C-alpha atoms as a PDB file:
ATOM      1  CA  MET A   1     -48.032  30.615  -1.101  1.00  0.00           C
ATOM      2  CA  LYS A   2     -45.834  28.847   1.441  1.00  0.00           C
ATOM      3  CA  LYS A   3     -46.235  25.141   2.009  1.00  0.00           C
ATOM      4  CA  ALA A   4     -44.372  22.777   4.289  1.00  0.00           C
ATOM      5  CA  VAL A   5     -44.144  19.090   5.090  1.00  0.00           C
ATOM      6  CA  ILE A   6     -44.356  18.302   8.813  1.00  0.00           C
ATOM      7  CA  SER A   7     -44.101  15.033  10.690  1.00  0.00           C
ATOM      8  CA  THR A   8     -46.272  14.149  13.702  1.00  0.00           C
ATOM      9  CA  GLY A   9     -47.617  10.898  15.042  1.00  0.00           C
ATOM     10  CA  GLY A  10     -45.448   8.872  12.664  1.00  0.00           C
ATOM     11  CA  LYS A  11     -47.093  10.427   9.599  1.00  0.00           C
ATOM     12  CA  GLN A  12     -46.151  13.277   7.264  1.00  0.00           C
ATOM     13  CA  TYR A  13     -48.534  16.060   6.223  1.00  0.00           C
ATOM     14  CA  LEU A  14     -48.306  18.697   3.473  1.00  0.00           C
ATOM     15  CA  VAL A  15     -49.687  21.891   5.025  1.00  0.00           C
ATOM     16  CA  ALA A  16     -50.286  25.507   4.036  1.00  0.00           C
ATOM     17  CA  GLU A  17     -51.080  28.582   6.138  1.00  0.00           C
ATOM     18  CA  GLY A  18     -54.717  28.729   7.233  1.00  0.00           C
ATOM     19  CA  GLN A  19     -55.319  25.023   6.638  1.00  0.00           C
ATOM     20  CA  GLU A  20     -57.017  22.776   9.215  1.00  0.00           C
ATOM     21  CA  ILE A  21     -55.768  19.208   9.612  1.00  0.00           C
ATOM     22  CA  ASP A  22     -56.604  16.244  11.831  1.00  0.00           C
ATOM     23  CA  VAL A  23     -53.530  14.554  13.349  1.00  0.00           C
ATOM     24  CA  GLU A  24     -52.782  11.980  16.042  1.00  0.00           C
ATOM     25  CA  LEU A  25     -53.565  13.259  19.535  1.00  0.00           C
ATOM     26  CA  VAL A  26     -51.228  16.119  20.555  1.00  0.00           C
ATOM     27  CA  GLY A  27     -50.622  16.780  24.250  1.00  0.00           C
ATOM     28  CA  ALA A  28     -50.454  20.583  23.871  1.00  0.00           C
ATOM     29  CA  GLU A  29     -53.338  22.733  25.079  1.00  0.00           C
ATOM     30  CA  LYS A  30     -53.290  25.844  22.861  1.00  0.00           C
ATOM     31  CA  THR A  31     -50.352  26.036  20.454  1.00  0.00           C
ATOM     32  CA  VAL A  32     -47.827  23.626  19.033  1.00  0.00           C
ATOM     33  CA  SER A  33     -44.853  24.087  16.709  1.00  0.00           C
ATOM     34  CA  PHE A  34     -43.160  21.663  14.323  1.00  0.00           C
ATOM     35  CA  GLU A  35     -39.816  21.565  12.546  1.00  0.00           C
ATOM     36  CA  PRO A  36     -40.578  21.189   8.814  1.00  0.00           C
ATOM     37  CA  LEU A  37     -38.927  18.488   6.727  1.00  0.00           C
ATOM     38  CA  LEU A  38     -39.472  20.467   3.505  1.00  0.00           C
ATOM     39  CA  VAL A  39     -40.464  24.090   2.793  1.00  0.00           C
ATOM     40  CA  LEU A  40     -41.919  25.262  -0.534  1.00  0.00           C
ATOM     41  CA  ASP A  41     -41.926  29.023  -1.105  1.00  0.00           C
ATOM     42  CA  GLY A  42     -42.935  29.757  -4.684  1.00  0.00           C
ATOM     43  CA  GLU A  43     -39.961  28.649  -6.801  1.00  0.00           C
ATOM     44  CA  LYS A  44     -37.638  28.181  -3.803  1.00  0.00           C
ATOM     45  CA  VAL A  45     -37.492  24.706  -2.234  1.00  0.00           C
ATOM     46  CA  SER A  46     -35.650  23.985   1.033  1.00  0.00           C
ATOM     47  CA  ILE A  47     -35.012  20.356   1.908  1.00  0.00           C
ATOM     48  CA  GLY A  48     -33.964  19.473   5.440  1.00  0.00           C
ATOM     49  CA  THR A  49     -31.545  16.836   6.658  1.00  0.00           C
ATOM     50  CA  PRO A  50     -33.709  15.762   8.518  1.00  0.00           C
ATOM     51  CA  ALA A  51     -35.328  19.158   9.342  1.00  0.00           C
ATOM     52  CA  VAL A  52     -34.917  22.557   7.684  1.00  0.00           C
ATOM     53  CA  ALA A  53     -32.666  24.663   9.909  1.00  0.00           C
ATOM     54  CA  GLY A  54     -34.123  27.965  11.123  1.00  0.00           C
ATOM     55  CA  SER A  55     -37.689  27.171  10.068  1.00  0.00           C
ATOM     56  CA  LYS A  56     -40.760  26.249  12.036  1.00  0.00           C
ATOM     57  CA  VAL A  57     -44.475  25.750  11.557  1.00  0.00           C
ATOM     58  CA  ASP A  58     -46.821  27.136  14.215  1.00  0.00           C
ATOM     59  CA  ALA A  59     -50.314  25.737  14.740  1.00  0.00           C
ATOM     60  CA  ASP A  60     -53.219  26.374  17.108  1.00  0.00           C
ATOM     61  CA  VAL A  61     -55.064  23.456  18.686  1.00  0.00           C
ATOM     62  CA  ILE A  62     -58.749  23.928  17.823  1.00  0.00           C
ATOM     63  CA  GLU A  63     -60.214  20.728  19.224  1.00  0.00           C
ATOM     64  CA  GLN A  64     -58.973  17.698  21.176  1.00  0.00           C
ATOM     65  CA  ASN A  65     -60.192  14.080  21.372  1.00  0.00           C
ATOM     66  CA  ILE A  66     -61.948  13.951  18.005  1.00  0.00           C
ATOM     67  CA  LYS A  67     -62.724  10.356  17.093  1.00  0.00           C
ATOM     68  CA  ALA A  68     -61.560   9.109  13.689  1.00  0.00           C
ATOM     69  CA  ASP A  69     -63.525   6.655  11.570  1.00  0.00           C
ATOM     70  CA  LYS A  70     -63.861   3.162  12.987  1.00  0.00           C
ATOM     71  CA  VAL A  71     -61.383   0.561  11.789  1.00  0.00           C
ATOM     72  CA  ILE A  72     -62.680  -3.009  12.011  1.00  0.00           C
ATOM     73  CA  ALA A  73     -60.321  -5.979  12.404  1.00  0.00           C
ATOM     74  CA  ILE A  74     -61.718  -9.415  11.624  1.00  0.00           C
ATOM     75  CA  ARG A  75     -60.218 -12.734  12.689  1.00  0.00           C
ATOM     76  CA  TYR A  76     -61.680 -15.770  10.921  1.00  0.00           C
ATOM     77  CA  LYS A  77     -60.655 -19.411  10.623  1.00  0.00           C
ATOM     78  CA  ALA A  78     -62.485 -21.427   7.995  1.00  0.00           C
ATOM     79  CA  LYS A  79     -64.235 -24.639   9.145  1.00  0.00           C
ATOM     80  CA  LYS A  80     -63.210 -24.057  12.799  1.00  0.00           C
ATOM     81  CA  ARG A  81     -66.110 -21.875  14.031  1.00  0.00           C
ATOM     82  CA  VAL A  82     -63.644 -19.165  14.971  1.00  0.00           C
ATOM     83  CA  HIS A  83     -64.643 -15.615  14.092  1.00  0.00           C
ATOM     84  CA  LYS A  84     -63.991 -12.403  15.996  1.00  0.00           C
ATOM     85  CA  ARG A  85     -64.721  -8.763  15.138  1.00  0.00           C
ATOM     86  CA  ARG A  86     -62.982  -5.930  16.872  1.00  0.00           C
ATOM     87  CA  GLY A  87     -63.340  -2.187  16.276  1.00  0.00           C
ATOM     88  CA  HIS A  88     -61.090   0.764  17.119  1.00  0.00           C
ATOM     89  CA  ARG A  89     -61.509   4.542  16.875  1.00  0.00           C
ATOM     90  CA  GLN A  90     -58.326   6.607  17.163  1.00  0.00           C
ATOM     91  CA  SER A  91     -58.361   9.885  19.126  1.00  0.00           C
ATOM     92  CA  GLN A  92     -57.227  12.893  17.091  1.00  0.00           C
ATOM     93  CA  SER A  93     -56.551  16.613  17.452  1.00  0.00           C
ATOM     94  CA  ARG A  94     -57.677  19.276  14.975  1.00  0.00           C
ATOM     95  CA  LEU A  95     -54.967  21.860  14.232  1.00  0.00           C
ATOM     96  CA  LYS A  96     -55.079  25.141  12.312  1.00  0.00           C
ATOM     97  CA  ILE A  97     -51.763  26.125  10.736  1.00  0.00           C
ATOM     98  CA  THR A  98     -51.128  29.785  11.602  1.00  0.00           C
ATOM     99  CA  LYS A  99     -47.603  30.528  10.387  1.00  0.00           C
ATOM    100  CA  ILE A 100     -44.798  29.000   8.339  1.00  0.00           C
ATOM    101  CA  SER A 101     -41.551  30.857   8.986  1.00  0.00           C
END
């Protein structure tokens, strides 16, 4: 089974064919391709500098603007009556990995 490490949105993901992943919002409408940083093919391992030459990972965009879990930031100063809560939900895209070549 082929696996690859891709980088998008400042994060790295270990993916396999047929897998669905949630990543930072991607501007593409239907398909997107990535240059892998590492490719695992059984016993063979290809490490890129920084990307593996001649390889790419293709993915279909299933859904756009999915909201991630809420992250709450709290600002508090003891004995000063200062307290502030702020929440944020990041927009994400759901991708299905179709091919690692």
